């Protein structure tokens, strides 16, 4: 609740989870109200994760 935009992100697997969540919400046309997304990926997505992210669009658009 409120009018302050969210900041979302994470490190490693948390960054991947946040990225996946934001992209999925955008695909479902849900306004996640996130203004800033940050990540530090020390690990690469698995083959299955990369395929799913590609299917959803890869990166958050907002």
PDB file of N, CA and C in Angstrom:
ATOM      1  N   UNK A   1       0.839  -1.182   0.000  1.00  0.00           N
ATOM      2  CA  UNK A   1       0.000   0.000   0.000  1.00  0.00           C
ATOM      3  C   UNK A   1       0.882   1.242   0.000  1.00  0.00           C
ATOM      4  N   UNK A   2       0.404   2.293  -0.576  1.00  0.00           N
ATOM      5  CA  UNK A   2       1.155   3.536  -0.611  1.00  0.00           C
ATOM      6  C   UNK A   2       1.525   3.905  -2.030  1.00  0.00           C
ATOM      7  N   UNK A   3       2.241   5.001  -2.149  1.00  0.00           N
ATOM      8  CA  UNK A   3       2.594   5.473  -3.480  1.00  0.00           C
ATOM      9  C   UNK A   3       4.091   5.448  -3.741  1.00  0.00           C
ATOM     10  N   UNK A   4       4.856   4.835  -2.855  1.00  0.00           N
ATOM     11  CA  UNK A   4       6.303   4.731  -3.034  1.00  0.00           C
ATOM     12  C   UNK A   4       6.620   3.480  -3.849  1.00  0.00           C
ATOM     13  N   UNK A   5       7.339   3.633  -4.984  1.00  0.00           N
ATOM     14  CA  UNK A   5       7.690   2.463  -5.797  1.00  0.00           C
ATOM     15  C   UNK A   5       8.632   1.524  -5.041  1.00  0.00           C
ATOM     16  N   UNK A   6       8.589   0.250  -5.391  1.00  0.00           N
ATOM     17  CA  UNK A   6       9.411  -0.760  -4.736  1.00  0.00           C
ATOM     18  C   UNK A   6      10.807  -0.818  -5.336  1.00  0.00           C
ATOM     19  N   UNK A   7      11.749  -1.284  -4.533  1.00  0.00           N
ATOM     20  CA  UNK A   7      13.079  -1.661  -4.990  1.00  0.00           C
ATOM     21  C   UNK A   7      13.186  -3.151  -4.728  1.00  0.00           C
ATOM     22  N   UNK A   8      13.519  -3.926  -5.744  1.00  0.00           N
ATOM     23  CA  UNK A   8      13.591  -5.385  -5.612  1.00  0.00           C
ATOM     24  C   UNK A   8      14.897  -5.874  -6.205  1.00  0.00           C
ATOM     25  N   UNK A   9      15.418  -6.945  -5.642  1.00  0.00           N
ATOM     26  CA  UNK A   9      16.641  -7.519  -6.166  1.00  0.00           C
ATOM     27  C   UNK A   9      17.160  -8.613  -5.281  1.00  0.00           C
ATOM     28  N   UNK A  10      18.380  -9.023  -5.544  1.00  0.00           N
ATOM     29  CA  UNK A  10      18.974 -10.069  -4.743  1.00  0.00           C
ATOM     30  C   UNK A  10      20.364 -10.412  -5.216  1.00  0.00           C
ATOM     31  N   UNK A  11      20.924 -11.377  -4.527  1.00  0.00           N
ATOM     32  CA  UNK A  11      22.267 -11.873  -4.830  1.00  0.00           C
ATOM     33  C   UNK A  11      22.183 -13.338  -5.211  1.00  0.00           C
ATOM     34  N   UNK A  12      22.928 -13.745  -6.202  1.00  0.00           N
ATOM     35  CA  UNK A  12      22.971 -15.153  -6.603  1.00  0.00           C
ATOM     36  C   UNK A  12      21.605 -15.689  -6.981  1.00  0.00           C
ATOM     37  N   UNK A  13      21.185 -16.766  -6.312  1.00  0.00           N
ATOM     38  CA  UNK A  13      19.898 -17.399  -6.609  1.00  0.00           C
ATOM     39  C   UNK A  13      18.738 -16.458  -6.280  1.00  0.00           C
ATOM     40  N   UNK A  14      18.892 -15.607  -5.275  1.00  0.00           N
ATOM     41  CA  UNK A  14      17.851 -14.631  -4.936  1.00  0.00           C
ATOM     42  C   UNK A  14      17.617 -13.647  -6.073  1.00  0.00           C
ATOM     43  N   UNK A  15      18.678 -13.261  -6.765  1.00  0.00           N
ATOM     44  CA  UNK A  15      18.552 -12.362  -7.915  1.00  0.00           C
ATOM     45  C   UNK A  15      17.774 -13.046  -9.031  1.00  0.00           C
ATOM     46  N   UNK A  16      18.046 -14.312  -9.249  1.00  0.00           N
ATOM     47  CA  UNK A  16      17.354 -15.071 -10.284  1.00  0.00           C
ATOM     48  C   UNK A  16      15.870 -15.221  -9.937  1.00  0.00           C
ATOM     49  N   UNK A  17      15.569 -15.488  -8.679  1.00  0.00           N
ATOM     50  CA  UNK A  17      14.179 -15.624  -8.235  1.00  0.00           C
ATOM     51  C   UNK A  17      13.428 -14.315  -8.399  1.00  0.00           C
ATOM     52  N   UNK A  18      14.053 -13.208  -8.033  1.00  0.00           N
ATOM     53  CA  UNK A  18      13.416 -11.898  -8.181  1.00  0.00           C
ATOM     54  C   UNK A  18      13.167 -11.588  -9.648  1.00  0.00           C
ATOM     55  N   UNK A  19      14.164 -11.842 -10.484  1.00  0.00           N
ATOM     56  CA  UNK A  19      14.032 -11.593 -11.924  1.00  0.00           C
ATOM     57  C   UNK A  19      12.880 -12.409 -12.508  1.00  0.00           C
ATOM     58  N   UNK A  20      12.828 -13.691 -12.160  1.00  0.00           N
ATOM     59  CA  UNK A  20      11.770 -14.568 -12.652  1.00  0.00           C
ATOM     60  C   UNK A  20      10.400 -14.058 -12.192  1.00  0.00           C
ATOM     61  N   UNK A  21      10.289 -13.666 -10.936  1.00  0.00           N
ATOM     62  CA  UNK A  21       9.013 -13.189 -10.393  1.00  0.00           C
ATOM     63  C   UNK A  21       8.527 -11.932 -11.105  1.00  0.00           C
ATOM     64  N   UNK A  22       9.419 -10.962 -11.317  1.00  0.00           N
ATOM     65  CA  UNK A  22       9.026  -9.720 -11.986  1.00  0.00           C
ATOM     66  C   UNK A  22       8.611  -9.974 -13.431  1.00  0.00           C
ATOM     67  N   UNK A  23       9.380 -10.801 -14.137  1.00  0.00           N
ATOM     68  CA  UNK A  23       9.051 -11.098 -15.534  1.00  0.00           C
ATOM     69  C   UNK A  23       7.713 -11.833 -15.622  1.00  0.00           C
ATOM     70  N   UNK A  24       7.481 -12.758 -14.717  1.00  0.00           N
ATOM     71  CA  UNK A  24       6.213 -13.505 -14.712  1.00  0.00           C
ATOM     72  C   UNK A  24       5.030 -12.577 -14.449  1.00  0.00           C
ATOM     73  N   UNK A  25       5.171 -11.663 -13.489  1.00  0.00           N
ATOM     74  CA  UNK A  25       4.089 -10.709 -13.221  1.00  0.00           C
ATOM     75  C   UNK A  25       3.819  -9.830 -14.435  1.00  0.00           C
ATOM     76  N   UNK A  26       4.876  -9.392 -15.118  1.00  0.00           N
ATOM     77  CA  UNK A  26       4.687  -8.569 -16.315  1.00  0.00           C
ATOM     78  C   UNK A  26       3.983  -9.358 -17.415  1.00  0.00           C
ATOM     79  N   UNK A  27       4.318 -10.631 -17.547  1.00  0.00           N
ATOM     80  CA  UNK A  27       3.667 -11.459 -18.554  1.00  0.00           C
ATOM     81  C   UNK A  27       2.169 -11.604 -18.250  1.00  0.00           C
ATOM     82  N   UNK A  28       1.829 -11.633 -16.970  1.00  0.00           N
ATOM     83  CA  UNK A  28       0.436 -11.751 -16.551  1.00  0.00           C
ATOM     84  C   UNK A  28      -0.234 -10.375 -16.449  1.00  0.00           C
ATOM     85  N   UNK A  29       0.487  -9.348 -16.858  1.00  0.00           N
ATOM     86  CA  UNK A  29       0.006  -7.965 -16.837  1.00  0.00           C
ATOM     87  C   UNK A  29      -0.376  -7.492 -15.430  1.00  0.00           C
ATOM     88  N   UNK A  30       0.411  -7.929 -14.448  1.00  0.00           N
ATOM     89  CA  UNK A  30       0.257  -7.480 -13.066  1.00  0.00           C
ATOM     90  C   UNK A  30       1.245  -6.339 -12.840  1.00  0.00           C
ATOM     91  N   UNK A  31       0.754  -5.229 -12.326  1.00  0.00           N
ATOM     92  CA  UNK A  31       1.634  -4.098 -12.030  1.00  0.00           C
ATOM     93  C   UNK A  31       2.352  -4.373 -10.716  1.00  0.00           C
ATOM     94  N   UNK A  32       3.617  -4.740 -10.797  1.00  0.00           N
ATOM     95  CA  UNK A  32       4.384  -5.074  -9.597  1.00  0.00           C
ATOM     96  C   UNK A  32       4.898  -3.827  -8.871  1.00  0.00           C
ATOM     97  N   UNK A  33       4.700  -2.679  -9.449  1.00  0.00           N
ATOM     98  CA  UNK A  33       5.047  -1.396  -8.825  1.00  0.00           C
ATOM     99  C   UNK A  33       6.514  -1.311  -8.415  1.00  0.00           C
ATOM    100  N   UNK A  34       7.380  -1.983  -9.166  1.00  0.00           N
ATOM    101  CA  UNK A  34       8.816  -1.958  -8.891  1.00  0.00           C
ATOM    102  C   UNK A  34       9.479  -0.939  -9.801  1.00  0.00           C
ATOM    103  N   UNK A  35      10.183   0.013  -9.200  1.00  0.00           N
ATOM    104  CA  UNK A  35      10.860   1.054  -9.970  1.00  0.00           C
ATOM    105  C   UNK A  35      12.332   0.704 -10.188  1.00  0.00           C
ATOM    106  N   UNK A  36      12.940   0.012  -9.213  1.00  0.00           N
ATOM    107  CA  UNK A  36      14.367  -0.311  -9.294  1.00  0.00           C
ATOM    108  C   UNK A  36      14.547  -1.807  -9.081  1.00  0.00           C
ATOM    109  N   UNK A  37      15.270  -2.429 -10.006  1.00  0.00           N
ATOM    110  CA  UNK A  37      15.610  -3.849  -9.897  1.00  0.00           C
ATOM    111  C   UNK A  37      17.123  -3.956  -9.932  1.00  0.00           C
ATOM    112  N   UNK A  38      17.695  -4.669  -8.967  1.00  0.00           N
ATOM    113  CA  UNK A  38      19.144  -4.866  -8.968  1.00  0.00           C
ATOM    114  C   UNK A  38      19.429  -6.349  -8.795  1.00  0.00           C
ATOM    115  N   UNK A  39      20.570  -6.754  -9.318  1.00  0.00           N
ATOM    116  CA  UNK A  39      20.964  -8.146  -9.126  1.00  0.00           C
ATOM    117  C   UNK A  39      22.470  -8.280  -9.212  1.00  0.00           C
ATOM    118  N   UNK A  40      22.941  -9.276  -8.526  1.00  0.00           N
ATOM    119  CA  UNK A  40      24.320  -9.697  -8.662  1.00  0.00           C
ATOM    120  C   UNK A  40      24.271 -11.208  -8.794  1.00  0.00           C
ATOM    121  N   UNK A  41      24.499 -11.680  -9.995  1.00  0.00           N
ATOM    122  CA  UNK A  41      24.421 -13.111 -10.255  1.00  0.00           C
ATOM    123  C   UNK A  41      25.810 -13.716 -10.222  1.00  0.00           C
ATOM    124  N   UNK A  42      26.123 -14.374  -9.134  1.00  0.00           N
ATOM    125  CA  UNK A  42      27.376 -15.089  -9.047  1.00  0.00           C
ATOM    126  C   UNK A  42      27.280 -16.453  -9.707  1.00  0.00           C
ATOM    127  N   UNK A  43      26.044 -16.925  -9.883  1.00  0.00           N
ATOM    128  CA  UNK A  43      25.837 -18.218 -10.524  1.00  0.00           C
ATOM    129  C   UNK A  43      24.929 -18.037 -11.733  1.00  0.00           C
ATOM    130  N   UNK A  44      25.217 -18.788 -12.756  1.00  0.00           N
ATOM    131  CA  UNK A  44      24.409 -18.711 -13.979  1.00  0.00           C
ATOM    132  C   UNK A  44      23.152 -19.557 -13.802  1.00  0.00           C
ATOM    133  N   UNK A  45      22.058 -19.164 -14.477  1.00  0.00           N
ATOM    134  CA  UNK A  45      20.856 -19.983 -14.421  1.00  0.00           C
ATOM    135  C   UNK A  45      21.105 -21.363 -15.036  1.00  0.00           C
ATOM    136  N   UNK A  46      20.407 -22.370 -14.506  1.00  0.00           N
ATOM    137  CA  UNK A  46      20.511 -23.702 -15.107  1.00  0.00           C
ATOM    138  C   UNK A  46      19.892 -23.659 -16.501  1.00  0.00           C
ATOM    139  N   UNK A  47      20.061 -24.720 -17.252  1.00  0.00           N
ATOM    140  CA  UNK A  47      19.511 -24.788 -18.603  1.00  0.00           C
ATOM    141  C   UNK A  47      17.996 -24.629 -18.577  1.00  0.00           C
ATOM    142  N   UNK A  48      17.321 -25.297 -17.648  1.00  0.00           N
ATOM    143  CA  UNK A  48      15.860 -25.191 -17.528  1.00  0.00           C
ATOM    144  C   UNK A  48      15.432 -23.775 -17.130  1.00  0.00           C
ATOM    145  N   UNK A  49      16.154 -23.169 -16.191  1.00  0.00           N
ATOM    146  CA  UNK A  49      15.831 -21.805 -15.757  1.00  0.00           C
ATOM    147  C   UNK A  49      16.022 -20.817 -16.903  1.00  0.00           C
ATOM    148  N   UNK A  50      17.107 -20.961 -17.630  1.00  0.00           N
ATOM    149  CA  UNK A  50      17.369 -20.057 -18.757  1.00  0.00           C
ATOM    150  C   UNK A  50      16.291 -20.187 -19.826  1.00  0.00           C
ATOM    151  N   UNK A  51      15.853 -21.420 -20.094  1.00  0.00           N
ATOM    152  CA  UNK A  51      14.794 -21.638 -21.087  1.00  0.00           C
ATOM    153  C   UNK A  51      13.489 -20.994 -20.633  1.00  0.00           C
ATOM    154  N   UNK A  52      13.152 -21.119 -19.356  1.00  0.00           N
ATOM    155  CA  UNK A  52      11.915 -20.521 -18.835  1.00  0.00           C
ATOM    156  C   UNK A  52      11.998 -18.998 -18.871  1.00  0.00           C
ATOM    157  N   UNK A  53      13.134 -18.428 -18.512  1.00  0.00           N
ATOM    158  CA  UNK A  53      13.294 -16.972 -18.566  1.00  0.00           C
ATOM    159  C   UNK A  53      13.196 -16.476 -20.010  1.00  0.00           C
ATOM    160  N   UNK A  54      13.782 -17.208 -20.946  1.00  0.00           N
ATOM    161  CA  UNK A  54      13.673 -16.834 -22.364  1.00  0.00           C
ATOM    162  C   UNK A  54      12.223 -16.880 -22.824  1.00  0.00           C
ATOM    163  N   UNK A  55      11.490 -17.888 -22.369  1.00  0.00           N
ATOM    164  CA  UNK A  55      10.088 -18.025 -22.746  1.00  0.00           C
ATOM    165  C   UNK A  55       9.265 -16.853 -22.215  1.00  0.00           C
ATOM    166  N   UNK A  56       9.607 -16.374 -21.023  1.00  0.00           N
ATOM    167  CA  UNK A  56       8.863 -15.289 -20.403  1.00  0.00           C
ATOM    168  C   UNK A  56       9.319 -13.902 -20.873  1.00  0.00           C
ATOM    169  N   UNK A  57      10.457 -13.814 -21.479  1.00  0.00           N
ATOM    170  CA  UNK A  57      10.918 -12.509 -21.962  1.00  0.00           C
ATOM    171  C   UNK A  57      12.277 -12.124 -21.433  1.00  0.00           C
ATOM    172  N   UNK A  58      12.820 -12.863 -20.507  1.00  0.00           N
ATOM    173  CA  UNK A  58      14.185 -12.656 -20.075  1.00  0.00           C
ATOM    174  C   UNK A  58      14.404 -11.670 -18.945  1.00  0.00           C
ATOM    175  N   UNK A  59      14.085 -10.406 -19.153  1.00  0.00           N
ATOM    176  CA  UNK A  59      14.358  -9.360 -18.167  1.00  0.00           C
ATOM    177  C   UNK A  59      13.103  -8.538 -17.909  1.00  0.00           C
ATOM    178  N   UNK A  60      12.951  -8.048 -16.687  1.00  0.00           N
ATOM    179  CA  UNK A  60      11.822  -7.146 -16.411  1.00  0.00           C
ATOM    180  C   UNK A  60      11.888  -5.919 -17.329  1.00  0.00           C
ATOM    181  N   UNK A  61      10.753  -5.451 -17.791  1.00  0.00           N
ATOM    182  CA  UNK A  61      10.701  -4.338 -18.735  1.00  0.00           C
ATOM    183  C   UNK A  61      10.596  -2.983 -18.052  1.00  0.00           C
ATOM    184  N   UNK A  62       9.998  -2.920 -16.892  1.00  0.00           N
ATOM    185  CA  UNK A  62       9.804  -1.645 -16.215  1.00  0.00           C
ATOM    186  C   UNK A  62      11.035  -1.206 -15.491  1.00  0.00           C
TER     187      UNK A  62
END
